[in-house]
Amino acid sequence: MSHAFYIYTSYGVTALITLAVIAWTLLDGRARRREMAELEAAGIRRRSSPPVTEGKQA
């Protein structure tokens, strides 16, 4: 094996792993957003969100 083959193979494997992690992160983010939307639709709110009031008082 030549030195160049080793280097190009290493870069290729690294690129594939990097792309796989990026894709996994994007797909997981979509899934979490979908889960959050389902929970909010069911009436479950985040603790960090402001409380929902029935009538606004000015």
C-alpha atoms as a PDB file:
ATOM      1  CA  MET A   1       0.000   0.000   0.000  1.00  0.00           C
ATOM      2  CA  SER A   2       1.154   3.471  -0.745  1.00  0.00           C
ATOM      3  CA  HIS A   3       1.206   6.385   1.618  1.00  0.00           C
ATOM      4  CA  ALA A   4      -1.343   8.293  -0.507  1.00  0.00           C
ATOM      5  CA  PHE A   5      -3.834   5.391  -0.344  1.00  0.00           C
ATOM      6  CA  TYR A   6      -3.694   5.440   3.443  1.00  0.00           C
ATOM      7  CA  ILE A   7      -4.172   9.212   3.588  1.00  0.00           C
ATOM      8  CA  TYR A   8      -7.071   9.272   1.098  1.00  0.00           C
ATOM      9  CA  THR A   9      -8.773   6.365   2.847  1.00  0.00           C
ATOM     10  CA  SER A  10      -8.432   8.107   6.207  1.00  0.00           C
ATOM     11  CA  TYR A  11      -9.941  11.318   4.846  1.00  0.00           C
ATOM     12  CA  GLY A  12     -12.764   9.378   3.200  1.00  0.00           C
ATOM     13  CA  VAL A  13     -13.660   7.504   6.380  1.00  0.00           C
ATOM     14  CA  THR A  14     -13.502  10.718   8.390  1.00  0.00           C
ATOM     15  CA  ALA A  15     -15.787  12.489   5.896  1.00  0.00           C
ATOM     16  CA  LEU A  16     -18.309   9.631   6.013  1.00  0.00           C
ATOM     17  CA  ILE A  17     -18.371   9.612   9.807  1.00  0.00           C
ATOM     18  CA  THR A  18     -18.746  13.403   9.910  1.00  0.00           C
ATOM     19  CA  LEU A  19     -21.641  13.312   7.423  1.00  0.00           C
ATOM     20  CA  ALA A  20     -23.300  10.496   9.375  1.00  0.00           C
ATOM     21  CA  VAL A  21     -23.104  12.488  12.635  1.00  0.00           C
ATOM     22  CA  ILE A  22     -24.524  15.597  10.926  1.00  0.00           C
ATOM     23  CA  ALA A  23     -27.402  13.591   9.413  1.00  0.00           C
ATOM     24  CA  TRP A  24     -28.109  11.885  12.738  1.00  0.00           C
ATOM     25  CA  THR A  25     -28.183  15.236  14.520  1.00  0.00           C
ATOM     26  CA  LEU A  26     -30.578  16.773  11.979  1.00  0.00           C
ATOM     27  CA  LEU A  27     -32.927  13.775  12.021  1.00  0.00           C
ATOM     28  CA  ASP A  28     -32.883  13.618  15.816  1.00  0.00           C
ATOM     29  CA  GLY A  29     -33.629  17.347  16.033  1.00  0.00           C
ATOM     30  CA  ARG A  30     -36.659  16.920  13.800  1.00  0.00           C
ATOM     31  CA  ALA A  31     -37.885  14.031  15.926  1.00  0.00           C
ATOM     32  CA  ARG A  32     -37.479  16.055  19.145  1.00  0.00           C
ATOM     33  CA  ARG A  33     -39.337  19.040  17.636  1.00  0.00           C
ATOM     34  CA  ARG A  34     -42.149  16.708  16.561  1.00  0.00           C
ATOM     35  CA  GLU A  35     -42.326  15.242  20.074  1.00  0.00           C
ATOM     36  CA  MET A  36     -42.408  18.720  21.618  1.00  0.00           C
ATOM     37  CA  ALA A  37     -45.243  19.748  19.285  1.00  0.00           C
ATOM     38  CA  GLU A  38     -47.228  16.645  20.258  1.00  0.00           C
ATOM     39  CA  LEU A  39     -46.703  17.341  23.959  1.00  0.00           C
ATOM     40  CA  GLU A  40     -47.692  20.998  23.607  1.00  0.00           C
ATOM     41  CA  ALA A  41     -50.783  19.987  21.614  1.00  0.00           C
ATOM     42  CA  ALA A  42     -51.707  17.688  24.507  1.00  0.00           C
ATOM     43  CA  GLY A  43     -51.500  20.645  26.902  1.00  0.00           C
ATOM     44  CA  ILE A  44     -48.123  19.860  28.419  1.00  0.00           C
ATOM     45  CA  ARG A  45     -45.981  22.981  28.566  1.00  0.00           C
ATOM     46  CA  ARG A  46     -42.313  23.566  29.209  1.00  0.00           C
ATOM     47  CA  ARG A  47     -41.323  24.943  32.574  1.00  0.00           C
ATOM     48  CA  SER A  48     -39.351  27.692  30.841  1.00  0.00           C
ATOM     49  CA  SER A  49     -42.358  28.966  28.878  1.00  0.00           C
ATOM     50  CA  PRO A  50     -44.432  31.790  30.376  1.00  0.00           C
ATOM     51  CA  PRO A  51     -47.661  30.769  32.085  1.00  0.00           C
ATOM     52  CA  VAL A  52     -50.807  30.837  29.990  1.00  0.00           C
ATOM     53  CA  THR A  53     -53.470  33.182  31.380  1.00  0.00           C
ATOM     54  CA  GLU A  54     -57.163  33.056  30.513  1.00  0.00           C
ATOM     55  CA  GLY A  55     -57.767  36.799  30.347  1.00  0.00           C
ATOM     56  CA  LYS A  56     -55.225  39.531  29.870  1.00  0.00           C
ATOM     57  CA  GLN A  57     -55.332  42.272  32.448  1.00  0.00           C
ATOM     58  CA  ALA A  58     -54.022  45.685  31.547  1.00  0.00           C
END
